[in-house]
Amino acid sequence: MAAGFSIFDDLNGGNGAGVVDSVLSGNYSKALTDLGSNAQDLVKTDTGRKALVQAVGIAAIGAWARKAFPATKLGGTKLYFRI
């Protein structure tokens, strides 16, 4: 989930006024333009590519863990097991 928030932050624009601020203020064309630009920057820059690779890796580990331990459910801060 942390990798997802990191990518969301990159797509939102990182520092300064971002895409979410534009949407909330009703400026949808600027929001779409900024979102497209930020998505291209995410793919083109070295930092963005590292964030994407980390997100894919974390998702793969999560998928493996769900398959390997199907009885484990995460809930809040505790692990729940079915007996």
Protein backbone atom coordinates (compact mmCIF):
# COMPACT_ATOMS: atom_id res chain seq x y z
CA MET A 1 0.00 0.00 0.00
CA ALA A 2 2.92 2.34 0.68
CA ALA A 3 4.14 1.91 -2.90
CA GLY A 4 0.67 2.79 -4.15
CA PHE A 5 0.65 5.98 -2.09
CA SER A 6 4.13 6.82 -3.39
CA ILE A 7 2.96 6.46 -7.00
CA PHE A 8 -0.19 8.45 -6.21
CA ASP A 9 2.02 11.20 -4.81
CA ASP A 10 4.16 11.17 -7.96
CA LEU A 11 1.09 11.31 -10.21
CA ASN A 12 -0.42 14.05 -8.06
CA GLY A 13 2.67 16.16 -8.62
CA GLY A 14 4.73 15.61 -5.51
CA ASN A 15 5.43 19.08 -4.17
CA GLY A 16 3.22 22.09 -4.64
CA ALA A 17 -0.30 22.30 -6.02
CA GLY A 18 -1.18 19.02 -7.66
CA VAL A 19 -3.84 17.27 -9.66
CA VAL A 20 -6.15 16.75 -6.68
CA ASP A 21 -6.10 20.47 -5.90
CA SER A 22 -7.02 21.25 -9.51
CA VAL A 23 -9.93 18.79 -9.44
CA LEU A 24 -11.21 20.15 -6.13
CA SER A 25 -11.09 23.70 -7.49
CA GLY A 26 -13.00 22.62 -10.61
CA ASN A 27 -10.17 23.11 -13.11
CA TYR A 28 -10.50 19.72 -14.84
CA SER A 29 -8.55 20.53 -17.99
CA LYS A 30 -5.50 21.58 -15.95
CA ALA A 31 -5.88 18.44 -13.82
CA LEU A 32 -5.88 16.17 -16.88
CA THR A 33 -2.94 18.02 -18.42
CA ASP A 34 -0.94 17.79 -15.19
CA LEU A 35 -1.86 14.13 -14.71
CA GLY A 36 -0.65 13.26 -18.21
CA SER A 37 2.55 15.22 -17.74
CA ASN A 38 3.22 13.65 -14.34
CA ALA A 39 2.57 10.15 -15.72
CA GLN A 40 5.11 10.76 -18.50
CA ASP A 41 7.63 12.07 -15.97
CA LEU A 42 7.02 8.99 -13.82
CA VAL A 43 8.01 6.71 -16.70
CA LYS A 44 10.84 8.87 -18.09
CA THR A 45 12.76 9.67 -14.91
CA ASP A 46 15.03 7.27 -13.07
CA THR A 47 13.27 7.92 -9.75
CA GLY A 48 9.86 7.27 -11.31
CA ARG A 49 10.97 4.00 -12.85
CA LYS A 50 12.35 2.86 -9.50
CA ALA A 51 9.02 3.66 -7.84
CA LEU A 52 7.14 1.66 -10.47
CA VAL A 53 9.48 -1.33 -10.13
CA GLN A 54 9.12 -1.24 -6.35
CA ALA A 55 5.33 -1.12 -6.64
CA VAL A 56 5.30 -4.13 -8.98
CA GLY A 57 7.65 -6.02 -6.65
CA ILE A 58 5.54 -5.32 -3.59
CA ALA A 59 2.38 -6.36 -5.45
CA ALA A 60 4.05 -9.61 -6.54
CA ILE A 61 5.12 -10.37 -2.97
CA GLY A 62 1.58 -9.69 -1.77
CA ALA A 63 0.10 -11.99 -4.43
CA TRP A 64 2.56 -14.73 -3.48
CA ALA A 65 1.75 -14.31 0.23
CA ARG A 66 -2.00 -14.58 -0.44
CA LYS A 67 -1.44 -17.74 -2.42
CA ALA A 68 1.05 -19.28 0.05
CA PHE A 69 -0.94 -18.42 3.18
CA PRO A 70 -4.62 -18.39 2.17
CA ALA A 71 -5.91 -18.67 5.75
CA THR A 72 -4.17 -15.45 6.87
CA LYS A 73 -6.27 -12.32 6.82
CA LEU A 74 -4.91 -8.89 7.68
CA GLY A 75 -7.21 -6.77 9.77
CA GLY A 76 -6.05 -3.49 11.23
CA THR A 77 -2.87 -4.16 13.17
CA LYS A 78 -3.53 -7.83 13.93
CA LEU A 79 -3.26 -11.07 11.98
CA TYR A 80 -6.37 -13.22 11.94
CA PHE A 81 -6.23 -16.95 11.23
CA ARG A 82 -9.08 -19.29 10.32
CA ILE A 83 -9.04 -22.57 12.23
